[in-house]
N, C-alpha and C. Protein backbone atom coordinates (compact mmCIF):
# COMPACT_ATOMS: atom_id res chain seq x y z
N UNK A 1 267.75 37.91 34.92
CA UNK A 1 268.10 39.01 34.04
C UNK A 1 268.99 39.99 34.80
N UNK A 2 270.09 40.37 34.19
CA UNK A 2 271.05 41.25 34.83
C UNK A 2 270.62 42.71 34.67
N UNK A 3 270.72 43.44 35.76
CA UNK A 3 270.32 44.84 35.74
C UNK A 3 271.44 45.71 35.19
N UNK A 4 271.10 46.67 34.37
CA UNK A 4 272.10 47.62 33.90
C UNK A 4 271.77 49.02 34.40
N UNK A 5 271.33 49.07 35.64
CA UNK A 5 270.94 50.35 36.25
C UNK A 5 272.17 51.21 36.52
N UNK A 6 271.95 52.49 36.57
CA UNK A 6 273.00 53.44 36.94
C UNK A 6 272.62 53.96 38.33
N UNK A 7 273.29 53.43 39.33
CA UNK A 7 272.96 53.77 40.72
C UNK A 7 273.52 55.14 41.09
N UNK A 8 272.93 55.73 42.08
CA UNK A 8 273.37 57.05 42.55
C UNK A 8 274.82 57.00 43.05
N UNK A 9 275.19 55.88 43.68
CA UNK A 9 276.55 55.74 44.22
C UNK A 9 277.60 55.59 43.12
N UNK A 10 277.18 55.30 41.90
CA UNK A 10 278.13 55.20 40.79
C UNK A 10 278.56 56.57 40.27
N UNK A 11 277.84 57.60 40.65
CA UNK A 11 278.17 58.94 40.17
C UNK A 11 279.31 59.52 41.01
N UNK A 12 280.24 60.17 40.34
CA UNK A 12 281.40 60.77 40.98
C UNK A 12 281.01 62.14 41.52
N UNK A 13 281.18 62.34 42.83
CA UNK A 13 280.77 63.61 43.45
C UNK A 13 281.90 64.29 44.21
N UNK A 14 282.93 63.56 44.55
CA UNK A 14 284.01 64.10 45.36
C UNK A 14 284.86 65.09 44.57
N UNK A 15 284.98 66.32 45.06
CA UNK A 15 285.79 67.33 44.37
C UNK A 15 287.25 66.91 44.29
N UNK A 16 287.75 66.22 45.29
CA UNK A 16 289.14 65.76 45.29
C UNK A 16 289.34 64.77 44.16
N UNK A 17 288.43 63.80 44.01
CA UNK A 17 288.55 62.81 42.94
C UNK A 17 288.35 63.44 41.57
N UNK A 18 287.46 64.41 41.46
CA UNK A 18 287.24 65.09 40.18
C UNK A 18 288.49 65.85 39.77
N UNK A 19 289.12 66.56 40.71
CA UNK A 19 290.37 67.27 40.41
C UNK A 19 291.46 66.30 39.99
N UNK A 20 291.56 65.17 40.68
CA UNK A 20 292.56 64.16 40.35
C UNK A 20 292.31 63.60 38.95
N UNK A 21 291.05 63.37 38.61
CA UNK A 21 290.68 62.87 37.29
C UNK A 21 291.15 63.83 36.20
N UNK A 22 290.92 65.12 36.37
CA UNK A 22 291.30 66.10 35.35
C UNK A 22 292.81 66.31 35.29
N UNK A 23 293.49 66.21 36.42
CA UNK A 23 294.94 66.44 36.43
C UNK A 23 295.72 65.29 35.83
N UNK A 24 295.34 64.05 36.14
CA UNK A 24 296.20 62.95 35.73
C UNK A 24 295.48 61.84 34.96
N UNK A 25 294.30 62.11 34.45
CA UNK A 25 293.57 61.10 33.69
C UNK A 25 294.04 61.01 32.24
N UNK A 26 293.78 59.85 31.63
CA UNK A 26 294.10 59.61 30.22
C UNK A 26 292.89 60.05 29.40
N UNK A 27 293.13 60.80 28.34
CA UNK A 27 292.04 61.34 27.53
C UNK A 27 291.89 60.57 26.21
N UNK A 28 290.65 60.25 25.90
CA UNK A 28 290.29 59.61 24.64
C UNK A 28 289.20 60.46 24.02
N UNK A 29 289.20 60.57 22.70
CA UNK A 29 288.10 61.34 22.11
C UNK A 29 287.68 60.76 20.77
N UNK A 30 286.43 60.88 20.51
CA UNK A 30 285.83 60.55 19.22
C UNK A 30 284.63 61.47 19.12
N UNK A 31 284.65 62.31 18.11
CA UNK A 31 283.63 63.35 17.98
C UNK A 31 282.24 62.77 18.10
N UNK A 32 281.39 63.32 18.89
CA UNK A 32 281.40 64.55 19.66
C UNK A 32 281.72 64.35 21.15
N UNK A 33 282.35 63.24 21.51
CA UNK A 33 282.60 62.95 22.93
C UNK A 33 284.08 62.97 23.27
N UNK A 34 284.35 63.24 24.53
CA UNK A 34 285.70 63.11 25.07
C UNK A 34 285.56 62.36 26.39
N UNK A 35 286.43 61.37 26.60
CA UNK A 35 286.40 60.59 27.83
C UNK A 35 287.72 60.79 28.56
N UNK A 36 287.65 60.95 29.86
CA UNK A 36 288.84 61.02 30.70
C UNK A 36 288.77 59.81 31.63
N UNK A 37 289.83 59.01 31.64
CA UNK A 37 289.87 57.78 32.42
C UNK A 37 291.04 57.82 33.39
N UNK A 38 290.78 57.45 34.63
CA UNK A 38 291.84 57.36 35.62
C UNK A 38 291.67 56.08 36.43
N UNK A 39 292.56 55.10 36.23
CA UNK A 39 292.52 53.90 37.08
C UNK A 39 292.85 54.27 38.52
N UNK A 40 292.14 53.70 39.46
CA UNK A 40 292.41 53.98 40.87
C UNK A 40 292.71 52.67 41.59
N UNK A 41 293.52 52.78 42.61
CA UNK A 41 293.94 51.62 43.38
C UNK A 41 293.58 51.84 44.84
N UNK A 42 293.61 50.79 45.60
CA UNK A 42 293.28 50.81 47.04
C UNK A 42 292.10 51.73 47.36
N UNK A 43 291.04 51.51 46.63
CA UNK A 43 289.84 52.32 46.80
C UNK A 43 288.76 51.50 47.50
N UNK A 44 287.95 52.17 48.26
CA UNK A 44 286.84 51.52 48.95
C UNK A 44 285.53 51.66 48.16
N UNK A 45 285.65 52.05 46.89
CA UNK A 45 284.46 52.26 46.06
C UNK A 45 283.66 50.96 45.94
N UNK A 46 282.36 51.08 45.95
CA UNK A 46 281.47 49.93 45.86
C UNK A 46 281.37 49.42 44.42
N UNK A 47 281.47 50.33 43.46
CA UNK A 47 281.30 49.98 42.05
C UNK A 47 282.64 50.07 41.33
N UNK A 48 282.80 49.30 40.24
CA UNK A 48 284.08 49.31 39.51
C UNK A 48 284.41 50.65 38.86
N UNK A 49 283.40 51.43 38.54
CA UNK A 49 283.66 52.69 37.83
C UNK A 49 282.76 53.80 38.38
N UNK A 50 283.38 54.94 38.70
CA UNK A 50 282.62 56.12 39.13
C UNK A 50 282.57 57.09 37.96
N UNK A 51 281.42 57.66 37.70
CA UNK A 51 281.18 58.44 36.49
C UNK A 51 280.81 59.88 36.80
N UNK A 52 281.32 60.79 35.96
CA UNK A 52 280.85 62.17 35.95
C UNK A 52 280.56 62.53 34.49
N UNK A 53 279.44 63.20 34.26
CA UNK A 53 279.01 63.58 32.91
C UNK A 53 278.97 65.10 32.84
N UNK A 54 279.52 65.66 31.74
CA UNK A 54 279.62 67.11 31.63
C UNK A 54 279.15 67.61 30.27
N UNK A 55 278.55 68.79 30.27
CA UNK A 55 278.19 69.51 29.05
C UNK A 55 278.58 70.97 29.28
N UNK A 56 279.19 71.58 28.30
CA UNK A 56 279.75 72.92 28.43
C UNK A 56 278.69 74.00 28.66
N UNK A 57 278.90 74.80 29.71
CA UNK A 57 277.99 75.92 29.98
C UNK A 57 278.27 77.07 29.03
N UNK A 58 279.46 77.11 28.44
CA UNK A 58 279.77 78.17 27.47
C UNK A 58 279.01 77.94 26.16
N UNK A 59 278.96 76.67 25.72
CA UNK A 59 278.28 76.37 24.46
C UNK A 59 276.77 76.34 24.63
N UNK A 60 276.32 75.85 25.78
CA UNK A 60 274.89 75.70 26.02
C UNK A 60 274.51 76.55 27.22
N UNK A 61 274.01 77.73 26.94
CA UNK A 61 273.69 78.70 28.00
C UNK A 61 272.53 78.24 28.88
N UNK A 62 271.58 77.55 28.29
CA UNK A 62 270.39 77.16 29.04
C UNK A 62 270.60 75.82 29.76
N UNK A 63 270.28 75.82 31.04
CA UNK A 63 270.45 74.62 31.85
C UNK A 63 269.57 73.47 31.34
N UNK A 64 268.43 73.80 30.77
CA UNK A 64 267.53 72.78 30.24
C UNK A 64 268.24 71.95 29.16
N UNK A 65 268.97 72.62 28.29
CA UNK A 65 269.69 71.95 27.21
C UNK A 65 270.84 71.12 27.78
N UNK A 66 271.61 71.71 28.70
CA UNK A 66 272.73 70.98 29.32
C UNK A 66 272.23 69.72 30.03
N UNK A 67 271.14 69.86 30.76
CA UNK A 67 270.60 68.71 31.48
C UNK A 67 270.09 67.63 30.54
N UNK A 68 269.51 68.03 29.41
CA UNK A 68 269.05 67.05 28.43
C UNK A 68 270.24 66.27 27.87
N UNK A 69 271.33 66.98 27.56
CA UNK A 69 272.53 66.33 27.04
C UNK A 69 273.10 65.37 28.08
N UNK A 70 273.15 65.80 29.33
CA UNK A 70 273.70 64.94 30.38
C UNK A 70 272.82 63.71 30.61
N UNK A 71 271.51 63.88 30.55
CA UNK A 71 270.61 62.72 30.68
C UNK A 71 270.82 61.74 29.54
N UNK A 72 270.99 62.27 28.34
CA UNK A 72 271.24 61.44 27.17
C UNK A 72 272.54 60.65 27.33
N UNK A 73 273.60 61.32 27.77
CA UNK A 73 274.89 60.65 27.97
C UNK A 73 274.81 59.57 29.04
N UNK A 74 274.12 59.86 30.14
CA UNK A 74 273.97 58.87 31.21
C UNK A 74 273.20 57.64 30.72
N UNK A 75 272.16 57.88 29.94
CA UNK A 75 271.35 56.77 29.43
C UNK A 75 272.16 55.89 28.49
N UNK A 76 272.92 56.49 27.61
CA UNK A 76 273.75 55.71 26.68
C UNK A 76 274.82 54.95 27.45
N UNK A 77 275.44 55.59 28.44
CA UNK A 77 276.44 54.92 29.27
C UNK A 77 275.80 53.73 30.00
N UNK A 78 274.64 53.95 30.59
CA UNK A 78 273.95 52.91 31.34
C UNK A 78 273.65 51.69 30.47
N UNK A 79 273.22 51.94 29.24
CA UNK A 79 272.89 50.84 28.33
C UNK A 79 274.12 50.09 27.82
N UNK A 80 275.28 50.74 27.82
CA UNK A 80 276.47 50.14 27.19
C UNK A 80 277.63 49.89 28.14
N UNK A 81 277.44 50.07 29.43
CA UNK A 81 278.55 49.86 30.36
C UNK A 81 278.96 48.39 30.44
N UNK A 82 278.13 47.50 29.96
CA UNK A 82 278.47 46.08 29.94
C UNK A 82 279.64 45.78 29.00
N UNK A 83 280.03 46.74 28.18
CA UNK A 83 281.17 46.54 27.27
C UNK A 83 282.49 46.48 28.02
N UNK A 84 282.60 47.14 29.17
CA UNK A 84 283.86 47.14 29.90
C UNK A 84 283.73 46.73 31.37
N UNK A 85 282.54 46.68 31.92
CA UNK A 85 282.36 46.31 33.33
C UNK A 85 282.88 44.90 33.64
N UNK A 86 282.64 43.90 32.78
CA UNK A 86 283.17 42.57 33.09
C UNK A 86 284.70 42.56 33.24
N UNK A 87 285.39 43.33 32.41
CA UNK A 87 286.85 43.41 32.51
C UNK A 87 287.25 43.94 33.88
N UNK A 88 286.60 45.00 34.34
CA UNK A 88 286.95 45.60 35.62
C UNK A 88 286.63 44.68 36.79
N UNK A 89 285.47 44.03 36.76
CA UNK A 89 285.09 43.17 37.89
C UNK A 89 285.93 41.90 37.94
N UNK A 90 286.22 41.29 36.79
CA UNK A 90 287.02 40.06 36.77
C UNK A 90 288.44 40.31 37.24
N UNK A 91 289.00 41.46 36.89
CA UNK A 91 290.38 41.77 37.26
C UNK A 91 290.47 42.60 38.54
N UNK A 92 289.33 42.80 39.20
CA UNK A 92 289.28 43.56 40.46
C UNK A 92 289.92 44.94 40.31
N UNK A 93 289.54 45.64 39.25
CA UNK A 93 290.08 46.98 38.97
C UNK A 93 288.97 48.01 39.12
N UNK A 94 289.38 49.24 39.38
CA UNK A 94 288.43 50.34 39.54
C UNK A 94 288.94 51.54 38.77
N UNK A 95 288.02 52.43 38.39
CA UNK A 95 288.43 53.62 37.66
C UNK A 95 287.46 54.77 37.88
N UNK A 96 287.97 55.96 37.59
CA UNK A 96 287.15 57.16 37.55
C UNK A 96 286.96 57.49 36.08
N UNK A 97 285.78 57.88 35.68
CA UNK A 97 285.49 58.12 34.28
C UNK A 97 284.71 59.42 34.13
N UNK A 98 285.21 60.30 33.26
CA UNK A 98 284.52 61.54 32.94
C UNK A 98 284.12 61.52 31.48
N UNK A 99 282.88 61.85 31.19
CA UNK A 99 282.40 61.90 29.81
C UNK A 99 281.95 63.33 29.53
N UNK A 100 282.55 63.94 28.49
CA UNK A 100 282.22 65.32 28.11
C UNK A 100 281.62 65.33 26.71
N UNK A 101 280.61 66.15 26.53
CA UNK A 101 280.04 66.35 25.20
C UNK A 101 280.64 67.62 24.62
N UNK A 102 281.27 67.50 23.42
CA UNK A 102 281.95 68.63 22.80
C UNK A 102 281.30 69.12 21.52
N UNK A 103 280.15 68.58 21.16
CA UNK A 103 279.51 68.98 19.92
C UNK A 103 278.94 70.39 19.97
N UNK A 104 278.55 70.89 18.80
CA UNK A 104 277.99 72.24 18.72
C UNK A 104 276.47 72.27 18.71
N UNK A 105 275.84 71.15 18.34
CA UNK A 105 274.38 71.10 18.32
C UNK A 105 273.90 70.14 19.40
N UNK A 106 272.61 70.18 19.64
CA UNK A 106 272.01 69.21 20.55
C UNK A 106 272.10 67.85 19.87
N UNK A 107 272.66 66.85 20.56
CA UNK A 107 272.97 65.58 19.90
C UNK A 107 271.74 64.68 19.70
N UNK A 108 271.89 63.76 18.76
CA UNK A 108 270.89 62.71 18.59
C UNK A 108 271.41 61.46 19.29
N UNK A 109 270.51 60.61 19.69
CA UNK A 109 270.86 59.40 20.43
C UNK A 109 271.82 58.53 19.63
N UNK A 110 271.49 58.27 18.35
CA UNK A 110 272.29 57.37 17.53
C UNK A 110 273.71 57.88 17.31
N UNK A 111 273.84 59.15 17.05
CA UNK A 111 275.15 59.76 16.81
C UNK A 111 276.06 59.59 18.03
N UNK A 112 275.52 59.90 19.20
CA UNK A 112 276.32 59.83 20.42
C UNK A 112 276.58 58.38 20.82
N UNK A 113 275.61 57.50 20.59
CA UNK A 113 275.79 56.10 20.97
C UNK A 113 276.94 55.45 20.20
N UNK A 114 277.07 55.74 18.91
CA UNK A 114 278.18 55.18 18.12
C UNK A 114 279.53 55.60 18.71
N UNK A 115 279.66 56.87 19.02
CA UNK A 115 280.91 57.37 19.60
C UNK A 115 281.16 56.76 20.98
N UNK A 116 280.13 56.69 21.79
CA UNK A 116 280.26 56.16 23.15
C UNK A 116 280.68 54.69 23.12
N UNK A 117 280.08 53.90 22.26
CA UNK A 117 280.43 52.47 22.18
C UNK A 117 281.88 52.30 21.80
N UNK A 118 282.35 53.04 20.80
CA UNK A 118 283.74 52.88 20.39
C UNK A 118 284.70 53.31 21.49
N UNK A 119 284.35 54.33 22.27
CA UNK A 119 285.21 54.77 23.37
C UNK A 119 285.17 53.79 24.55
N UNK A 120 284.00 53.28 24.88
CA UNK A 120 283.90 52.35 26.00
C UNK A 120 284.63 51.04 25.72
N UNK A 121 284.67 50.62 24.46
CA UNK A 121 285.40 49.40 24.11
C UNK A 121 286.90 49.58 24.31
N UNK A 122 287.38 50.81 24.27
CA UNK A 122 288.82 51.08 24.43
C UNK A 122 289.25 51.21 25.89
N UNK A 123 288.32 51.23 26.82
CA UNK A 123 288.67 51.42 28.23
C UNK A 123 289.58 50.31 28.77
N UNK A 124 289.30 49.01 28.54
CA UNK A 124 290.23 47.99 29.06
C UNK A 124 291.65 48.17 28.52
N UNK A 125 291.77 48.48 27.25
CA UNK A 125 293.09 48.70 26.63
C UNK A 125 293.81 49.88 27.28
N UNK A 126 293.10 50.97 27.51
CA UNK A 126 293.71 52.14 28.13
C UNK A 126 294.04 51.88 29.60
N UNK A 127 293.24 51.09 30.26
CA UNK A 127 293.49 50.73 31.66
C UNK A 127 294.81 49.96 31.76
N UNK A 128 295.03 49.04 30.82
CA UNK A 128 296.27 48.26 30.80
C UNK A 128 297.47 49.15 30.49
N UNK A 129 297.34 50.07 29.54
CA UNK A 129 298.45 50.96 29.19
C UNK A 129 298.83 51.84 30.38
N UNK A 130 297.84 52.27 31.14
CA UNK A 130 298.10 53.15 32.28
C UNK A 130 298.89 52.41 33.36
N UNK A 131 298.67 51.10 33.47
CA UNK A 131 299.36 50.30 34.49
C UNK A 131 300.82 50.07 34.18
N UNK A 132 301.22 50.19 32.91
CA UNK A 132 302.61 49.90 32.53
C UNK A 132 303.53 51.05 32.82
């Protein structure tokens, strides 16, 4: 049985890479999510995709709510990363990925999962467009 765990090393922590992601990444959105994707080359990363998850501190003043949203996004990503991971591993490609929640209410699992699946399916297509 194949593991779909989200390892600690898969999380994006480098401020330099985060700045690069925001400056030159490709943006995709489907309410209530926004994804920023940046293909990277000549990287020593262990995993095909490094992830950062964000929830707005302006919209959600309480850290408890922001953390709940981020946990929800990580869980949905972890369960559905198999939609694009095979493409990255087979083609020996790597990327930086940022997922932002832009909704106004605390999200439900089903609502966010539908948006996340449709966005994750578009990652291989956007990766190819970025290379051209």
